[in-house]
């Protein structure tokens, strides 16, 4: 799967139910080599995050998408 036309969404909540808001992202792979669905929770900002299970073999590719929805500059080390 190689798509760069994905839409971005923002989730905000207000009111008494706001503490329980949750968001999820998913990808559907339906290619000749890989098929299935993968999901991940959209978590809040953290100072450190580890990615488990990323492919690192020669010829394989991964994609990391970073978003900064605030006016405060972000500093990232990958």
Protein backbone atom coordinates (compact mmCIF):
# COMPACT_ATOMS: atom_id res chain seq x y z
CA UNK A 1 0.00 0.00 0.00
CA UNK A 2 1.45 3.34 -1.02
CA UNK A 3 -0.96 6.25 -0.66
CA UNK A 4 -0.23 9.89 -0.16
CA UNK A 5 -3.81 11.12 -0.55
CA UNK A 6 -4.93 10.27 2.99
CA UNK A 7 -7.11 12.80 4.75
CA UNK A 8 -6.20 14.19 8.17
CA UNK A 9 -8.77 14.67 10.91
CA UNK A 10 -8.74 16.36 14.30
CA UNK A 11 -10.84 15.26 17.27
CA UNK A 12 -11.84 17.68 20.04
CA UNK A 13 -14.34 17.17 22.81
CA UNK A 14 -16.13 19.48 25.23
CA UNK A 15 -18.61 19.02 28.01
CA UNK A 16 -19.05 16.35 30.66
CA UNK A 17 -18.31 13.43 28.31
CA UNK A 18 -15.05 14.95 26.99
CA UNK A 19 -12.78 12.88 29.29
CA UNK A 20 -14.05 9.70 27.64
CA UNK A 21 -13.44 10.70 24.00
CA UNK A 22 -11.37 8.24 21.98
CA UNK A 23 -10.12 8.06 18.40
CA UNK A 24 -8.74 5.19 16.33
CA UNK A 25 -6.92 5.02 13.01
CA UNK A 26 -6.88 2.08 10.64
CA UNK A 27 -5.35 0.88 7.43
CA UNK A 28 -6.77 -1.72 5.06
CA UNK A 29 -4.22 -3.60 3.00
CA UNK A 30 -5.61 -5.53 0.03
CA UNK A 31 -2.60 -6.16 -2.17
CA UNK A 32 -1.03 -9.21 -3.73
CA UNK A 33 1.52 -9.64 -0.92
CA UNK A 34 -0.25 -8.26 2.14
CA UNK A 35 -3.91 -8.39 3.17
CA UNK A 36 -5.60 -7.38 6.37
CA UNK A 37 -6.61 -4.57 8.67
CA UNK A 38 -4.42 -2.85 11.25
CA UNK A 39 -5.65 -0.38 13.85
CA UNK A 40 -4.01 1.86 16.43
CA UNK A 41 -5.37 4.19 19.06
CA UNK A 42 -4.78 7.91 18.58
CA UNK A 43 -3.08 8.80 21.83
CA UNK A 44 -2.27 12.15 23.33
CA UNK A 45 1.12 13.81 23.02
CA UNK A 46 4.01 12.21 24.89
CA UNK A 47 7.67 13.03 25.40
CA UNK A 48 8.80 9.59 24.21
CA UNK A 49 7.31 6.85 22.05
CA UNK A 50 8.63 3.50 20.83
CA UNK A 51 7.46 1.82 17.64
CA UNK A 52 7.29 -1.95 17.95
CA UNK A 53 7.21 -4.30 14.99
CA UNK A 54 8.40 -1.94 12.27
CA UNK A 55 10.02 -3.75 9.33
CA UNK A 56 13.72 -3.01 8.94
CA UNK A 57 14.79 -5.51 6.26
CA UNK A 58 16.61 -4.26 3.18
CA UNK A 59 14.09 -3.15 0.56
CA UNK A 60 11.24 -2.65 3.04
CA UNK A 61 9.76 0.78 3.70
CA UNK A 62 7.90 2.36 6.55
CA UNK A 63 6.26 5.73 6.95
CA UNK A 64 6.17 7.97 9.98
CA UNK A 65 3.72 10.88 9.86
CA UNK A 66 4.23 13.68 12.39
CA UNK A 67 1.63 16.36 13.04
CA UNK A 68 1.85 19.46 15.20
CA UNK A 69 -1.65 20.95 15.53
CA UNK A 70 -0.51 23.77 17.83
CA UNK A 71 1.28 27.06 17.25
CA UNK A 72 4.13 25.95 19.54
CA UNK A 73 7.17 24.68 17.60
CA UNK A 74 7.85 20.95 17.93
CA UNK A 75 11.30 19.32 18.14
CA UNK A 76 11.59 15.69 17.04
CA UNK A 77 14.48 13.22 16.99
CA UNK A 78 13.98 10.03 14.98
